[in-house]
Amino acid sequence: DPDLSDGDGSVNIFHGGFEEASWTGLLPNTTYYFIIYSYSNSGDLINFKTNGTPPTANAITNAGSSAQEGDVIITEFMAAPGSVDDTYGEWFEIFNTTAVDINLNGWLIESFDGANNIQHTISDPTLVIKAKSFLVLGINPDPITNGGVPVDYTFKDIFFGNTNDYIHIRSDSRLLIDRIDWDSSLGWDIRTGQSL
């Protein structure tokens, strides 16, 4: 019974090797607990271990897949750091507007290099933006060389234009969560050494 939509289920795992178990009917932002029983024989003759305490495990479903537009917003960005070279000091800040923590693993950052849409996929299973909290994503994690910015996650291959560009963030399901598009011809004023 691999369907957990009714709250419980079970899967037999073969002894002596590695095997994955897949579950269906999972709800986002939900903690599931698993008890692992050993057994012998098979079919009607199966014998489950009944003495001692069985090991337990738990897993929390990934909240990132269920995020909706506006759940995470871009609140600030630095396109022209000034005190250090752009390739060392560019960054942007995001805010979790919801009441739940959101796992950002697999999310996408997009920008424009003047000719093409450039993408960076976040690859960090532990990168979680806490409820009602901020995170800073930047090109350089070292505050000594990035202008003194505490960066929570480092992206690569993304550089911000000083006259026109954009930052788009998409969830792991590729839903557009938030975006900022700027263009100096439309009144955007990217000043060296100042974040917006």
Protein backbone atom coordinates (compact mmCIF):
# COMPACT_ATOMS: atom_id res chain seq x y z
CA ASP A 1 0.00 0.00 0.00
CA PRO A 2 2.24 2.87 -1.21
CA ASP A 3 -0.66 5.39 -1.18
CA LEU A 4 -0.43 7.69 1.87
CA SER A 5 -3.52 9.77 1.07
CA ASP A 6 -5.41 7.95 3.85
CA GLY A 7 -2.63 8.62 6.36
CA ASP A 8 -0.83 5.27 6.34
CA GLY A 9 0.65 2.66 4.06
CA SER A 10 3.29 -0.05 3.83
CA VAL A 11 5.93 -1.28 1.40
CA ASN A 12 8.00 -4.47 1.50
CA ILE A 13 11.72 -3.92 0.94
CA PHE A 14 13.95 -6.82 -0.08
CA HIS A 15 16.77 -7.77 2.28
CA GLY A 16 20.42 -7.42 1.34
CA GLY A 17 20.76 -4.42 -0.92
CA PHE A 18 19.61 -0.95 -1.79
CA GLU A 19 16.04 -0.36 -2.87
CA GLU A 20 13.92 2.76 -3.28
CA ALA A 21 10.31 3.02 -2.18
CA SER A 22 8.01 5.53 -3.86
CA TRP A 23 4.93 6.96 -2.17
CA THR A 24 1.85 8.64 -3.60
CA GLY A 25 -0.84 10.82 -2.05
CA LEU A 26 1.65 13.03 -0.19
CA LEU A 27 0.63 16.45 1.06
CA PRO A 28 3.07 19.39 0.89
CA ASN A 29 4.57 20.69 4.14
CA THR A 30 3.69 17.47 5.96
CA THR A 31 5.93 15.30 8.14
CA TYR A 32 5.53 11.54 7.62
CA TYR A 33 6.86 8.96 10.10
CA PHE A 34 8.03 5.50 9.13
CA ILE A 35 8.59 2.40 11.27
CA ILE A 36 10.95 -0.20 9.84
CA TYR A 37 10.12 -3.86 10.70
CA SER A 38 12.30 -6.79 9.75
CA TYR A 39 10.60 -10.05 8.72
CA SER A 40 11.31 -13.59 7.54
CA ASN A 41 9.49 -16.07 5.30
CA SER A 42 6.95 -14.76 2.79
CA GLY A 43 3.30 -14.72 1.79
CA ASP A 44 0.96 -16.20 4.42
CA LEU A 45 4.00 -17.48 6.34
CA ILE A 46 5.59 -14.05 6.85
CA ASN A 47 6.91 -13.41 10.35
CA PHE A 48 7.38 -9.82 11.48
CA LYS A 49 9.86 -8.94 14.19
CA THR A 50 7.89 -8.25 17.37
CA ASN A 51 10.56 -7.99 20.07
CA GLY A 52 12.64 -4.92 20.78
CA THR A 53 12.04 -1.42 19.47
CA PRO A 54 11.84 -1.05 15.70
CA PRO A 55 13.91 1.78 14.19
CA THR A 56 11.96 4.80 13.04
CA ALA A 57 12.55 7.50 10.45
CA ASN A 58 10.75 10.59 9.28
CA ALA A 59 10.67 12.71 6.14
CA ILE A 60 9.19 16.12 5.33
CA THR A 61 7.69 16.72 1.92
CA ASN A 62 9.28 19.44 -0.19
CA ALA A 63 7.36 22.70 0.15
CA GLY A 64 9.07 24.20 -2.90
CA SER A 65 6.93 22.26 -5.36
CA SER A 66 3.74 23.72 -3.92
CA ALA A 67 4.87 27.36 -3.90
CA GLN A 68 2.67 29.83 -5.74
CA GLU A 69 3.34 33.18 -7.42
CA GLY A 70 4.19 35.76 -4.75
CA ASP A 71 5.05 33.23 -2.02
CA VAL A 72 8.68 34.34 -2.40
CA ILE A 73 9.42 37.88 -3.61
CA ILE A 74 12.56 39.72 -4.69
CA THR A 75 13.02 42.60 -2.23
CA GLU A 76 16.42 44.08 -3.13
CA PHE A 77 19.22 43.67 -5.66
CA MET A 78 22.71 44.99 -6.35
CA ALA A 79 23.60 45.33 -10.03
CA ALA A 80 26.52 47.81 -9.72
CA PRO A 81 28.37 47.29 -6.42
CA GLY A 82 31.08 49.92 -6.95
CA SER A 83 33.32 48.98 -4.00
CA VAL A 84 34.19 45.72 -5.77
CA ASP A 85 33.99 44.51 -9.36
CA ASP A 86 30.52 43.49 -10.59
CA THR A 87 31.68 39.89 -11.00
CA TYR A 88 32.45 39.76 -7.25
CA GLY A 89 29.70 41.85 -5.69
CA GLU A 90 26.34 41.29 -7.39
CA TRP A 91 23.53 39.81 -5.31
CA PHE A 92 19.78 39.85 -4.70
CA GLU A 93 17.59 39.33 -1.67
CA ILE A 94 14.36 37.34 -1.43
CA PHE A 95 11.61 37.18 1.21
CA ASN A 96 9.27 34.32 2.10
CA THR A 97 5.82 35.90 2.43
CA THR A 98 4.18 32.71 3.72
CA ALA A 99 3.81 31.12 7.16
CA VAL A 100 5.73 27.96 6.14
CA ASP A 101 9.38 27.22 5.37
CA ILE A 102 10.10 26.68 1.67
CA ASN A 103 12.83 24.42 0.30
CA LEU A 104 14.53 26.12 -2.67
CA ASN A 105 16.37 23.08 -4.02
CA GLY A 106 15.71 22.78 -7.75
CA TRP A 107 14.49 26.37 -8.09
CA LEU A 108 15.63 28.40 -11.08
CA ILE A 109 17.28 31.84 -11.29
CA GLU A 110 17.06 33.54 -14.70
CA SER A 111 18.77 36.62 -16.11
CA PHE A 112 19.77 38.08 -19.49
CA ASP A 113 23.30 38.30 -20.88
CA GLY A 114 22.41 40.71 -23.70
CA ALA A 115 21.59 37.94 -26.14
CA ASN A 116 20.24 34.93 -24.24
CA ASN A 117 18.21 33.95 -21.20
CA ILE A 118 20.76 32.53 -18.72
CA GLN A 119 19.61 30.05 -16.09
CA HIS A 120 21.03 28.72 -12.85
CA THR A 121 19.38 25.80 -11.06
CA ILE A 122 19.75 25.87 -7.27
CA SER A 123 21.37 22.62 -6.20
CA ASP A 124 21.31 22.46 -2.40
CA PRO A 125 18.81 20.16 -0.64
CA THR A 126 19.38 22.07 2.62
CA LEU A 127 18.61 25.55 1.24
CA VAL A 128 15.41 26.55 3.01
CA ILE A 129 13.96 30.03 3.29
CA LYS A 130 12.21 30.23 6.64
CA ALA A 131 8.68 31.57 6.97
CA LYS A 132 8.56 35.38 6.97
CA SER A 133 12.36 35.51 6.53
CA PHE A 134 14.97 36.76 4.06
CA LEU A 135 17.78 35.05 2.11
CA VAL A 136 20.57 36.62 0.06
CA LEU A 137 21.74 34.94 -3.14
CA GLY A 138 24.95 36.24 -4.65
CA ILE A 139 27.79 35.64 -7.02
CA ASN A 140 30.45 35.55 -4.30
CA PRO A 141 30.03 34.10 -0.77
CA ASP A 142 33.07 35.85 0.76
CA PRO A 143 32.16 39.13 2.54
CA ILE A 144 35.81 40.21 2.41
CA THR A 145 35.78 40.31 -1.40
CA ASN A 146 32.08 40.85 -2.19
CA GLY A 147 31.63 44.22 -0.46
CA GLY A 148 30.61 42.90 2.96
CA VAL A 149 27.41 41.07 1.99
CA PRO A 150 26.34 37.94 3.96
CA VAL A 151 25.44 35.58 1.09
CA ASP A 152 23.33 32.49 1.92
CA TYR A 153 23.64 30.85 -1.50
CA THR A 154 26.12 31.33 -4.35
CA PHE A 155 24.93 31.23 -7.97
CA LYS A 156 27.10 30.95 -11.09
CA ASP A 157 26.89 32.23 -14.67
CA ILE A 158 24.39 34.98 -13.74
CA PHE A 159 25.53 38.61 -14.14
CA PHE A 160 23.34 41.71 -13.93
CA GLY A 161 23.35 44.44 -16.57
CA ASN A 162 23.63 48.02 -15.32
CA THR A 163 21.25 49.51 -17.91
CA ASN A 164 18.71 46.77 -18.58
CA ASP A 165 18.26 43.21 -17.38
CA TYR A 166 15.96 41.03 -15.30
CA ILE A 167 15.90 38.58 -12.41
CA HIS A 168 13.26 35.86 -12.53
CA ILE A 169 12.83 33.13 -9.92
CA ARG A 170 10.94 29.94 -10.72
CA SER A 171 10.00 27.05 -8.46
CA ASP A 172 11.20 23.50 -9.06
CA SER A 173 7.97 22.99 -11.04
CA ARG A 174 9.12 25.97 -13.20
CA LEU A 175 6.26 28.21 -12.10
CA LEU A 176 7.26 31.89 -12.23
CA ILE A 177 7.25 32.98 -8.56
CA ASP A 178 8.52 36.56 -8.89
CA ARG A 179 10.38 38.82 -11.31
CA ILE A 180 12.11 42.19 -11.60
CA ASP A 181 12.80 43.71 -15.03
CA TRP A 182 14.73 46.96 -15.27
CA ASP A 183 15.56 49.31 -18.12
CA SER A 184 17.27 52.69 -17.81
CA SER A 185 15.27 54.00 -20.79
CA LEU A 186 12.11 53.46 -18.71
CA GLY A 187 13.35 55.44 -15.72
CA TRP A 188 15.27 52.82 -13.77
CA ASP A 189 18.27 54.45 -12.13
CA ILE A 190 21.00 51.90 -11.44
CA ARG A 191 23.53 53.87 -9.38
CA THR A 192 26.99 52.54 -8.64
CA GLY A 193 27.30 51.38 -5.04
CA GLN A 194 23.55 51.49 -4.33
CA SER A 195 21.14 48.60 -4.16
CA LEU A 196 17.54 48.93 -5.26
